[in-house]
Amino acid sequence: MRVPNVIEVSPDVMSGTPVFVGTRVPIGTLFDYLKGGDSLDEFIEDFPTVTRDQAVLLLETAGTGLIDPAVTGRIPSEET
């Protein structure tokens, strides 16, 4: 599986862990950094094989994947 320019999943790379295309950097690492209070700049500095464009596109894609279903009512709110 491959999302162009962002995510690659291959059994030959990190045993199938989703990584940034062209790297061995797991996608989850970016989210771990952000959850830990680190900035996107710190992540890019620590993992220079990931481009800023890749990281931003991943975050935008993740956000759309959560926001669009919530807006269309496919994710129930806590009030219901």
N, C-alpha and C. Protein backbone atom coordinates (compact mmCIF):
# COMPACT_ATOMS: atom_id res chain seq x y z
N MET A 1 0.85 -1.19 0.00
CA MET A 1 0.00 0.00 0.00
C MET A 1 0.89 1.24 0.00
N ARG A 2 0.41 2.27 -0.71
CA ARG A 2 1.22 3.49 -0.77
C ARG A 2 0.30 4.68 -1.03
N VAL A 3 0.35 5.66 -0.14
CA VAL A 3 -0.32 6.94 -0.38
C VAL A 3 0.76 7.82 -1.00
N PRO A 4 0.55 8.31 -2.23
CA PRO A 4 1.62 9.01 -2.95
C PRO A 4 2.35 10.06 -2.13
N ASN A 5 3.68 9.94 -2.11
CA ASN A 5 4.58 10.90 -1.47
C ASN A 5 4.48 10.98 0.05
N VAL A 6 3.69 10.09 0.68
CA VAL A 6 3.56 10.20 2.12
C VAL A 6 3.79 8.87 2.83
N ILE A 7 2.91 7.92 2.62
CA ILE A 7 2.95 6.68 3.40
C ILE A 7 3.26 5.49 2.50
N GLU A 8 4.13 4.64 3.02
CA GLU A 8 4.45 3.40 2.33
C GLU A 8 4.34 2.26 3.33
N VAL A 9 3.70 1.19 2.90
CA VAL A 9 3.60 -0.02 3.72
C VAL A 9 4.10 -1.17 2.87
N SER A 10 5.19 -1.76 3.32
CA SER A 10 5.79 -2.87 2.57
C SER A 10 6.37 -3.86 3.57
N PRO A 11 6.16 -5.15 3.34
CA PRO A 11 6.75 -6.14 4.25
C PRO A 11 8.28 -6.10 4.24
N ASP A 12 8.85 -5.48 3.20
CA ASP A 12 10.31 -5.39 3.09
C ASP A 12 10.89 -4.20 3.85
N VAL A 13 10.03 -3.30 4.33
CA VAL A 13 10.51 -2.12 5.05
C VAL A 13 9.89 -2.11 6.44
N MET A 14 10.71 -2.23 7.45
CA MET A 14 10.28 -2.18 8.85
C MET A 14 9.15 -3.19 9.13
N SER A 15 9.23 -4.35 8.50
CA SER A 15 8.25 -5.43 8.69
C SER A 15 6.81 -5.00 8.46
N GLY A 16 6.61 -4.07 7.52
CA GLY A 16 5.27 -3.65 7.17
C GLY A 16 4.72 -2.49 7.99
N THR A 17 5.52 -1.93 8.88
CA THR A 17 5.11 -0.75 9.63
C THR A 17 4.94 0.41 8.66
N PRO A 18 3.83 1.16 8.74
CA PRO A 18 3.69 2.33 7.86
C PRO A 18 4.81 3.34 8.11
N VAL A 19 5.50 3.70 7.04
CA VAL A 19 6.62 4.64 7.13
C VAL A 19 6.42 5.76 6.12
N PHE A 20 7.16 6.84 6.30
CA PHE A 20 7.19 7.90 5.30
C PHE A 20 7.89 7.34 4.06
N VAL A 21 7.34 7.60 2.89
CA VAL A 21 7.88 7.09 1.63
C VAL A 21 9.36 7.43 1.52
N GLY A 22 10.14 6.42 1.13
CA GLY A 22 11.57 6.61 0.90
C GLY A 22 12.40 6.64 2.16
N THR A 23 11.78 6.35 3.32
CA THR A 23 12.51 6.36 4.59
C THR A 23 12.20 5.08 5.37
N ARG A 24 12.81 4.98 6.52
CA ARG A 24 12.48 3.93 7.48
C ARG A 24 11.89 4.57 8.74
N VAL A 25 11.34 5.76 8.60
CA VAL A 25 10.77 6.50 9.73
C VAL A 25 9.29 6.18 9.84
N PRO A 26 8.88 5.50 10.92
CA PRO A 26 7.47 5.16 11.10
C PRO A 26 6.59 6.41 11.20
N ILE A 27 5.43 6.34 10.58
CA ILE A 27 4.46 7.42 10.63
C ILE A 27 4.11 7.76 12.08
N GLY A 28 3.97 6.74 12.89
CA GLY A 28 3.61 6.93 14.30
C GLY A 28 4.59 7.78 15.07
N THR A 29 5.82 7.84 14.61
CA THR A 29 6.84 8.64 15.30
C THR A 29 6.47 10.12 15.28
N LEU A 30 5.94 10.60 14.17
CA LEU A 30 5.52 12.00 14.11
C LEU A 30 4.45 12.27 15.16
N PHE A 31 3.46 11.39 15.25
CA PHE A 31 2.39 11.59 16.22
C PHE A 31 2.92 11.49 17.65
N ASP A 32 3.87 10.60 17.88
CA ASP A 32 4.50 10.50 19.21
C ASP A 32 5.20 11.81 19.57
N TYR A 33 5.91 12.38 18.63
CA TYR A 33 6.59 13.67 18.88
C TYR A 33 5.57 14.74 19.25
N LEU A 34 4.52 14.85 18.44
CA LEU A 34 3.53 15.90 18.69
C LEU A 34 2.80 15.68 20.01
N LYS A 35 2.45 14.44 20.31
CA LYS A 35 1.80 14.14 21.60
C LYS A 35 2.73 14.49 22.77
N GLY A 36 4.01 14.31 22.57
CA GLY A 36 4.99 14.59 23.61
C GLY A 36 5.32 16.08 23.77
N GLY A 37 4.72 16.91 22.93
CA GLY A 37 4.94 18.35 23.03
C GLY A 37 6.04 18.89 22.15
N ASP A 38 6.63 18.02 21.33
CA ASP A 38 7.67 18.47 20.41
C ASP A 38 7.03 19.14 19.20
N SER A 39 7.76 20.02 18.56
CA SER A 39 7.24 20.73 17.39
C SER A 39 7.53 19.94 16.12
N LEU A 40 6.87 20.34 15.06
CA LEU A 40 7.14 19.74 13.75
C LEU A 40 8.59 20.01 13.35
N ASP A 41 9.09 21.18 13.67
CA ASP A 41 10.49 21.51 13.37
C ASP A 41 11.45 20.55 14.06
N GLU A 42 11.15 20.21 15.32
CA GLU A 42 12.02 19.27 16.04
C GLU A 42 12.00 17.89 15.38
N PHE A 43 10.81 17.46 14.96
CA PHE A 43 10.70 16.18 14.28
C PHE A 43 11.53 16.18 13.00
N ILE A 44 11.37 17.21 12.19
CA ILE A 44 12.11 17.31 10.92
C ILE A 44 13.62 17.35 11.17
N GLU A 45 14.02 18.04 12.21
CA GLU A 45 15.44 18.12 12.54
C GLU A 45 15.98 16.74 12.93
N ASP A 46 15.19 15.99 13.70
CA ASP A 46 15.64 14.67 14.15
C ASP A 46 15.54 13.59 13.07
N PHE A 47 14.67 13.81 12.08
CA PHE A 47 14.47 12.84 11.00
C PHE A 47 14.56 13.55 9.65
N PRO A 48 15.76 13.94 9.26
CA PRO A 48 15.94 14.76 8.05
C PRO A 48 15.57 14.05 6.75
N THR A 49 15.36 12.74 6.78
CA THR A 49 14.93 12.05 5.56
C THR A 49 13.45 12.29 5.27
N VAL A 50 12.71 12.79 6.25
CA VAL A 50 11.30 13.15 6.05
C VAL A 50 11.25 14.62 5.69
N THR A 51 10.56 14.94 4.60
CA THR A 51 10.45 16.34 4.21
C THR A 51 9.31 17.01 4.97
N ARG A 52 9.41 18.30 5.09
CA ARG A 52 8.32 19.07 5.73
C ARG A 52 7.01 18.85 4.97
N ASP A 53 7.09 18.85 3.64
CA ASP A 53 5.89 18.64 2.83
C ASP A 53 5.23 17.30 3.13
N GLN A 54 6.04 16.25 3.29
CA GLN A 54 5.49 14.95 3.63
C GLN A 54 4.77 14.99 4.98
N ALA A 55 5.40 15.58 5.97
CA ALA A 55 4.83 15.63 7.31
C ALA A 55 3.53 16.44 7.33
N VAL A 56 3.54 17.57 6.66
CA VAL A 56 2.34 18.41 6.62
C VAL A 56 1.21 17.70 5.87
N LEU A 57 1.53 17.06 4.76
CA LEU A 57 0.51 16.34 4.01
C LEU A 57 -0.08 15.20 4.83
N LEU A 58 0.76 14.52 5.59
CA LEU A 58 0.27 13.45 6.47
C LEU A 58 -0.71 14.02 7.49
N LEU A 59 -0.34 15.13 8.12
CA LEU A 59 -1.22 15.73 9.13
C LEU A 59 -2.52 16.22 8.51
N GLU A 60 -2.44 16.81 7.33
CA GLU A 60 -3.65 17.27 6.64
C GLU A 60 -4.55 16.09 6.28
N THR A 61 -3.95 15.02 5.81
CA THR A 61 -4.71 13.83 5.43
C THR A 61 -5.37 13.20 6.67
N ALA A 62 -4.63 13.14 7.75
CA ALA A 62 -5.19 12.59 8.99
C ALA A 62 -6.33 13.46 9.48
N GLY A 63 -6.16 14.75 9.42
CA GLY A 63 -7.20 15.67 9.86
C GLY A 63 -8.46 15.53 9.02
N THR A 64 -8.29 15.44 7.71
CA THR A 64 -9.43 15.28 6.82
C THR A 64 -10.13 13.96 7.10
N GLY A 65 -9.35 12.94 7.38
CA GLY A 65 -9.92 11.62 7.67
C GLY A 65 -10.74 11.61 8.94
N LEU A 66 -10.49 12.53 9.84
CA LEU A 66 -11.27 12.62 11.07
C LEU A 66 -12.39 13.65 10.96
N ILE A 67 -12.09 14.78 10.33
CA ILE A 67 -13.06 15.88 10.27
C ILE A 67 -14.21 15.55 9.33
N ASP A 68 -13.92 15.07 8.13
CA ASP A 68 -14.99 14.79 7.17
C ASP A 68 -16.04 13.82 7.72
N PRO A 69 -15.65 12.69 8.31
CA PRO A 69 -16.67 11.79 8.87
C PRO A 69 -17.45 12.43 10.02
N ALA A 70 -16.80 13.26 10.81
CA ALA A 70 -17.50 13.92 11.92
C ALA A 70 -18.54 14.89 11.40
N VAL A 71 -18.20 15.62 10.35
CA VAL A 71 -19.12 16.59 9.77
C VAL A 71 -20.32 15.90 9.14
N THR A 72 -20.10 14.77 8.51
CA THR A 72 -21.19 14.07 7.85
C THR A 72 -21.96 13.17 8.83
N GLY A 73 -21.55 13.17 10.10
CA GLY A 73 -22.28 12.40 11.11
C GLY A 73 -21.90 10.95 11.20
N ARG A 74 -20.82 10.56 10.55
CA ARG A 74 -20.40 9.16 10.64
C ARG A 74 -19.64 8.86 11.92
N ILE A 75 -19.21 9.89 12.63
CA ILE A 75 -18.61 9.72 13.95
C ILE A 75 -19.57 10.36 14.93
N PRO A 76 -20.19 9.55 15.80
CA PRO A 76 -21.17 10.11 16.73
C PRO A 76 -20.51 11.02 17.76
N SER A 77 -21.20 12.09 18.10
CA SER A 77 -20.68 12.98 19.13
C SER A 77 -20.98 12.37 20.50
N GLU A 78 -20.34 12.89 21.52
CA GLU A 78 -20.57 12.38 22.87
C GLU A 78 -21.95 12.77 23.39
N GLU A 79 -22.58 13.75 22.76
CA GLU A 79 -23.88 14.21 23.22
C GLU A 79 -25.01 13.28 22.83
N THR A 80 -24.79 12.40 21.86
CA THR A 80 -25.86 11.52 21.41
C THR A 80 -25.89 10.23 22.16
